[in-house]
Amino acid sequence: MRVYLPVTLPLLAAAHSDGALRPGEWAKPLHDDAAAALVGYAVTPAVREWYVEGDLEELEFTAMTDAAQAVLRLLAADPSAPRRRVVLAADVPDGAVRPAGGGRSQVLVAADVALAGVASVHVDEAGVEGTVEAAVAALPAADAGDDDAQFALDEAEANDLLWYDVTEIPDLL
């Protein structure tokens, strides 16, 4: 199953050094079980039901967009991380994935994800850090229903993530 994993550049560096992305306390802003399983986003039955007309590529784009939004929470928890969203697209065994209940596409992956299983890396281009920082700062107000704050999150989402091959991770870091 293709799963989109939200990370930050420091987490990507740690995974690159270790050879795998592993569950940990760093993902607590995403899900309470994050210490025991990786939090990811995938094409779940709820996504298929929500987006009846979409083909697989459109459904996967929805899951990746949800993962990119989740990165904002990771950045809020790590003020020292560069303000660029990073999403890993990884293929993991279906049996390792279960619904998380934290949104239509959120899943928990009960396994480490080796970088060898990563199909691609998606990263904000340089120069959008200010937009991403504004979105991170607006999270609490957006969560409370503030439309202006939600606009800041939408502005970050309007920036497409650039595609990189996993072999390009050293260049990104």
C-alpha atoms as a PDB file:
ATOM      1  CA  MET A   1       0.000   0.000   0.000  1.00  0.00           C
ATOM      2  CA  ARG A   2       1.268   3.479  -0.817  1.00  0.00           C
ATOM      3  CA  VAL A   3       1.473   5.572   2.357  1.00  0.00           C
ATOM      4  CA  TYR A   4       2.430   9.237   2.604  1.00  0.00           C
ATOM      5  CA  LEU A   5       4.523   9.952   5.687  1.00  0.00           C
ATOM      6  CA  PRO A   6       4.844  13.504   7.030  1.00  0.00           C
ATOM      7  CA  VAL A   7       8.321  14.418   8.259  1.00  0.00           C
ATOM      8  CA  THR A   8      10.558  17.430   8.725  1.00  0.00           C
ATOM      9  CA  LEU A   9      14.018  17.915   7.250  1.00  0.00           C
ATOM     10  CA  PRO A  10      15.692  16.940  10.576  1.00  0.00           C
ATOM     11  CA  LEU A  11      13.568  13.757  10.698  1.00  0.00           C
ATOM     12  CA  LEU A  12      14.505  13.013   7.094  1.00  0.00           C
ATOM     13  CA  ALA A  13      18.171  13.461   8.028  1.00  0.00           C
ATOM     14  CA  ALA A  14      17.792  11.034  10.941  1.00  0.00           C
ATOM     15  CA  ALA A  15      16.024   8.482   8.721  1.00  0.00           C
ATOM     16  CA  HIS A  16      18.725   8.860   6.093  1.00  0.00           C
ATOM     17  CA  SER A  17      21.433   8.282   8.696  1.00  0.00           C
ATOM     18  CA  ASP A  18      19.583   5.301  10.172  1.00  0.00           C
ATOM     19  CA  GLY A  19      18.306   3.855   6.893  1.00  0.00           C
ATOM     20  CA  ALA A  20      14.689   3.860   8.077  1.00  0.00           C
ATOM     21  CA  LEU A  21      11.915   5.995   9.475  1.00  0.00           C
ATOM     22  CA  ARG A  22      10.885   4.665  12.872  1.00  0.00           C
ATOM     23  CA  PRO A  23       7.940   5.448  15.169  1.00  0.00           C
ATOM     24  CA  GLY A  24       8.693   7.873  17.941  1.00  0.00           C
ATOM     25  CA  GLU A  25       7.622  10.581  20.303  1.00  0.00           C
ATOM     26  CA  TRP A  26       8.377  13.171  17.600  1.00  0.00           C
ATOM     27  CA  ALA A  27       5.002  12.388  15.945  1.00  0.00           C
ATOM     28  CA  LYS A  28       2.849  12.869  19.062  1.00  0.00           C
ATOM     29  CA  PRO A  29       1.291  16.052  17.577  1.00  0.00           C
ATOM     30  CA  LEU A  30      -0.251  13.799  14.905  1.00  0.00           C
ATOM     31  CA  HIS A  31      -1.647  10.889  16.924  1.00  0.00           C
ATOM     32  CA  ASP A  32      -1.496   9.525  20.473  1.00  0.00           C
ATOM     33  CA  ASP A  33      -0.200   6.142  19.234  1.00  0.00           C
ATOM     34  CA  ALA A  34       2.657   7.742  17.295  1.00  0.00           C
ATOM     35  CA  ALA A  35       5.287   6.350  19.653  1.00  0.00           C
ATOM     36  CA  ALA A  36       4.196   2.806  18.731  1.00  0.00           C
ATOM     37  CA  ALA A  37       3.452   3.256  15.022  1.00  0.00           C
ATOM     38  CA  LEU A  38       4.258   5.663  12.224  1.00  0.00           C
ATOM     39  CA  VAL A  39       1.501   8.108  11.334  1.00  0.00           C
ATOM     40  CA  GLY A  40       0.789   8.199   7.634  1.00  0.00           C
ATOM     41  CA  TYR A  41      -1.880   9.048   5.117  1.00  0.00           C
ATOM     42  CA  ALA A  42      -3.245   6.702   2.472  1.00  0.00           C
ATOM     43  CA  VAL A  43      -6.150   6.007   0.175  1.00  0.00           C
ATOM     44  CA  THR A  44      -8.541   4.531   2.713  1.00  0.00           C
ATOM     45  CA  PRO A  45     -12.150   3.433   2.227  1.00  0.00           C
ATOM     46  CA  ALA A  46     -13.178   6.789   3.725  1.00  0.00           C
ATOM     47  CA  VAL A  47     -11.180   8.640   1.054  1.00  0.00           C
ATOM     48  CA  ARG A  48     -12.744   6.502  -1.682  1.00  0.00           C
ATOM     49  CA  GLU A  49     -16.227   7.242  -0.300  1.00  0.00           C
ATOM     50  CA  TRP A  50     -15.517  10.966   0.059  1.00  0.00           C
ATOM     51  CA  TYR A  51     -14.074  11.320  -3.449  1.00  0.00           C
ATOM     52  CA  VAL A  52     -16.283   8.954  -5.455  1.00  0.00           C
ATOM     53  CA  GLU A  53     -15.398  10.381  -8.879  1.00  0.00           C
ATOM     54  CA  GLY A  54     -11.614  10.389  -8.476  1.00  0.00           C
ATOM     55  CA  ASP A  55      -9.137   8.039 -10.059  1.00  0.00           C
ATOM     56  CA  LEU A  56      -6.290   6.532  -8.031  1.00  0.00           C
ATOM     57  CA  GLU A  57      -3.915   9.398  -8.827  1.00  0.00           C
ATOM     58  CA  GLU A  58      -6.413  11.969  -7.529  1.00  0.00           C
ATOM     59  CA  LEU A  59      -7.086   9.913  -4.412  1.00  0.00           C
ATOM     60  CA  GLU A  60      -3.359   9.592  -3.715  1.00  0.00           C
ATOM     61  CA  PHE A  61      -2.972  13.352  -4.186  1.00  0.00           C
ATOM     62  CA  THR A  62      -5.623  13.832  -1.478  1.00  0.00           C
ATOM     63  CA  ALA A  63      -3.686  11.596   0.914  1.00  0.00           C
ATOM     64  CA  MET A  64      -0.425  13.397   0.118  1.00  0.00           C
ATOM     65  CA  THR A  65      -2.097  16.768   0.707  1.00  0.00           C
ATOM     66  CA  ASP A  66      -3.334  15.551   4.098  1.00  0.00           C
ATOM     67  CA  ALA A  67       0.227  14.447   4.920  1.00  0.00           C
ATOM     68  CA  ALA A  68       1.596  17.854   3.893  1.00  0.00           C
ATOM     69  CA  GLN A  69      -0.917  19.524   6.219  1.00  0.00           C
ATOM     70  CA  ALA A  70       0.208  17.219   9.026  1.00  0.00           C
ATOM     71  CA  VAL A  71       3.802  18.377   8.571  1.00  0.00           C
ATOM     72  CA  LEU A  72       2.683  21.800   9.829  1.00  0.00           C
ATOM     73  CA  ARG A  73       1.964  20.229  13.245  1.00  0.00           C
ATOM     74  CA  LEU A  74       5.391  18.577  13.289  1.00  0.00           C
ATOM     75  CA  LEU A  75       6.979  21.932  12.474  1.00  0.00           C
ATOM     76  CA  ALA A  76       4.985  23.585  15.274  1.00  0.00           C
ATOM     77  CA  ALA A  77       6.429  21.023  17.683  1.00  0.00           C
ATOM     78  CA  ASP A  78       9.997  21.637  16.457  1.00  0.00           C
ATOM     79  CA  PRO A  79      10.702  25.377  16.210  1.00  0.00           C
ATOM     80  CA  SER A  80      14.285  24.704  15.102  1.00  0.00           C
ATOM     81  CA  ALA A  81      13.283  22.705  12.001  1.00  0.00           C
ATOM     82  CA  PRO A  82      13.541  24.506   8.654  1.00  0.00           C
ATOM     83  CA  ARG A  83      10.109  25.669   7.555  1.00  0.00           C
ATOM     84  CA  ARG A  84       9.681  23.327   4.607  1.00  0.00           C
ATOM     85  CA  ARG A  85       7.139  20.518   4.441  1.00  0.00           C
ATOM     86  CA  VAL A  86       8.469  17.038   3.597  1.00  0.00           C
ATOM     87  CA  VAL A  87       6.368  14.017   2.656  1.00  0.00           C
ATOM     88  CA  LEU A  88       7.745  10.549   1.928  1.00  0.00           C
ATOM     89  CA  ALA A  89       5.750   8.314  -0.424  1.00  0.00           C
ATOM     90  CA  ALA A  90       6.453   4.753   0.705  1.00  0.00           C
ATOM     91  CA  ASP A  91       5.189   1.321  -0.215  1.00  0.00           C
ATOM     92  CA  VAL A  92       4.466  -0.731   2.888  1.00  0.00           C
ATOM     93  CA  PRO A  93       2.792  -4.133   3.370  1.00  0.00           C
ATOM     94  CA  ASP A  94      -0.999  -3.849   3.614  1.00  0.00           C
ATOM     95  CA  GLY A  95      -0.950  -5.855   6.844  1.00  0.00           C
ATOM     96  CA  ALA A  96       1.191  -3.209   8.541  1.00  0.00           C
ATOM     97  CA  VAL A  97      -1.383  -0.453   7.958  1.00  0.00           C
ATOM     98  CA  ARG A  98      -4.530   0.226   9.975  1.00  0.00           C
ATOM     99  CA  PRO A  99      -6.942   3.176  10.110  1.00  0.00           C
ATOM    100  CA  ALA A 100      -6.043   5.756  12.724  1.00  0.00           C
ATOM    101  CA  GLY A 101      -9.355   7.572  13.118  1.00  0.00           C
ATOM    102  CA  GLY A 102      -7.658  10.964  12.848  1.00  0.00           C
ATOM    103  CA  GLY A 103      -9.187  11.997   9.548  1.00  0.00           C
ATOM    104  CA  ARG A 104     -10.348  10.394   6.346  1.00  0.00           C
ATOM    105  CA  SER A 105      -6.876   9.337   5.188  1.00  0.00           C
ATOM    106  CA  GLN A 106      -4.880   8.997   8.411  1.00  0.00           C
ATOM    107  CA  VAL A 107      -3.398   5.551   9.059  1.00  0.00           C
ATOM    108  CA  LEU A 108      -0.947   3.981  11.468  1.00  0.00           C
ATOM    109  CA  VAL A 109       1.942   1.921  10.117  1.00  0.00           C
ATOM    110  CA  ALA A 110       3.023  -0.755  12.579  1.00  0.00           C
ATOM    111  CA  ALA A 111       6.483  -1.168  11.070  1.00  0.00           C
ATOM    112  CA  ASP A 112       9.615   0.773  10.415  1.00  0.00           C
ATOM    113  CA  VAL A 113       9.779   2.114   6.874  1.00  0.00           C
ATOM    114  CA  ALA A 114      13.148   1.490   5.270  1.00  0.00           C
ATOM    115  CA  LEU A 115      14.295   4.239   2.943  1.00  0.00           C
ATOM    116  CA  ALA A 116      14.685   1.475   0.363  1.00  0.00           C
ATOM    117  CA  GLY A 117      10.860   1.269   0.418  1.00  0.00           C
ATOM    118  CA  VAL A 118      10.444   4.970  -0.252  1.00  0.00           C
ATOM    119  CA  ALA A 119       9.275   5.651  -3.788  1.00  0.00           C
ATOM    120  CA  SER A 120       9.707   9.423  -3.727  1.00  0.00           C
ATOM    121  CA  VAL A 121      10.310  12.442  -1.527  1.00  0.00           C
ATOM    122  CA  HIS A 122       8.166  15.578  -1.816  1.00  0.00           C
ATOM    123  CA  VAL A 123       9.508  18.867  -0.420  1.00  0.00           C
ATOM    124  CA  ASP A 124       8.551  22.524  -0.487  1.00  0.00           C
ATOM    125  CA  GLU A 125      10.760  24.523  -2.798  1.00  0.00           C
ATOM    126  CA  ALA A 126      13.188  26.967  -1.229  1.00  0.00           C
ATOM    127  CA  GLY A 127      11.660  30.380  -0.789  1.00  0.00           C
ATOM    128  CA  VAL A 128       8.303  29.387   0.699  1.00  0.00           C
ATOM    129  CA  GLU A 129       9.535  29.197   4.280  1.00  0.00           C
ATOM    130  CA  GLY A 130       7.717  32.425   5.190  1.00  0.00           C
ATOM    131  CA  THR A 131       4.410  31.064   3.942  1.00  0.00           C
ATOM    132  CA  VAL A 132       4.933  27.789   5.794  1.00  0.00           C
ATOM    133  CA  GLU A 133       5.946  29.650   8.979  1.00  0.00           C
ATOM    134  CA  ALA A 134       2.771  31.768   8.767  1.00  0.00           C
ATOM    135  CA  ALA A 135       0.715  28.578   8.444  1.00  0.00           C
ATOM    136  CA  VAL A 136       2.463  27.011  11.441  1.00  0.00           C
ATOM    137  CA  ALA A 137       1.787  30.132  13.513  1.00  0.00           C
ATOM    138  CA  ALA A 138      -1.864  30.138  12.415  1.00  0.00           C
ATOM    139  CA  LEU A 139      -2.562  26.512  13.420  1.00  0.00           C
ATOM    140  CA  PRO A 140      -4.082  27.211  16.873  1.00  0.00           C
ATOM    141  CA  ALA A 141      -6.417  29.888  15.535  1.00  0.00           C
ATOM    142  CA  ALA A 142      -7.356  27.770  12.499  1.00  0.00           C
ATOM    143  CA  ASP A 143      -8.139  24.847  14.814  1.00  0.00           C
ATOM    144  CA  ALA A 144     -10.453  27.215  16.731  1.00  0.00           C
ATOM    145  CA  GLY A 145     -12.325  28.076  13.525  1.00  0.00           C
ATOM    146  CA  ASP A 146     -10.719  31.397  12.574  1.00  0.00           C
ATOM    147  CA  ASP A 147     -11.231  31.909   8.817  1.00  0.00           C
ATOM    148  CA  ASP A 148      -8.251  34.265   8.464  1.00  0.00           C
ATOM    149  CA  ALA A 149      -6.002  31.684  10.080  1.00  0.00           C
ATOM    150  CA  GLN A 150      -7.394  28.999   7.792  1.00  0.00           C
ATOM    151  CA  PHE A 151      -6.436  31.227   4.870  1.00  0.00           C
ATOM    152  CA  ALA A 152      -2.799  31.036   6.028  1.00  0.00           C
ATOM    153  CA  LEU A 153      -3.004  27.234   5.974  1.00  0.00           C
ATOM    154  CA  ASP A 154      -4.562  27.360   2.505  1.00  0.00           C
ATOM    155  CA  GLU A 155      -1.727  29.607   1.307  1.00  0.00           C
ATOM    156  CA  ALA A 156       0.820  26.984   2.360  1.00  0.00           C
ATOM    157  CA  GLU A 157      -1.226  24.254   0.678  1.00  0.00           C
ATOM    158  CA  ALA A 158      -1.256  26.274  -2.549  1.00  0.00           C
ATOM    159  CA  ASN A 159       2.503  25.663  -2.846  1.00  0.00           C
ATOM    160  CA  ASP A 160       3.102  22.395  -4.650  1.00  0.00           C
ATOM    161  CA  LEU A 161       5.645  20.033  -3.199  1.00  0.00           C
ATOM    162  CA  LEU A 162       8.539  19.242  -5.528  1.00  0.00           C
ATOM    163  CA  TRP A 163       9.266  15.618  -6.428  1.00  0.00           C
ATOM    164  CA  TYR A 164      12.638  14.034  -5.639  1.00  0.00           C
ATOM    165  CA  ASP A 165      13.969  10.539  -6.051  1.00  0.00           C
ATOM    166  CA  VAL A 166      15.105   8.867  -2.838  1.00  0.00           C
ATOM    167  CA  THR A 167      18.687   8.946  -4.157  1.00  0.00           C
ATOM    168  CA  GLU A 168      18.509  12.761  -4.008  1.00  0.00           C
ATOM    169  CA  ILE A 169      18.000  12.868  -0.219  1.00  0.00           C
ATOM    170  CA  PRO A 170      21.673  13.753   0.460  1.00  0.00           C
ATOM    171  CA  ASP A 171      21.290  16.757  -1.856  1.00  0.00           C
ATOM    172  CA  LEU A 172      18.153  17.876  -0.015  1.00  0.00           C
ATOM    173  CA  LEU A 173      19.903  17.673   3.320  1.00  0.00           C
END
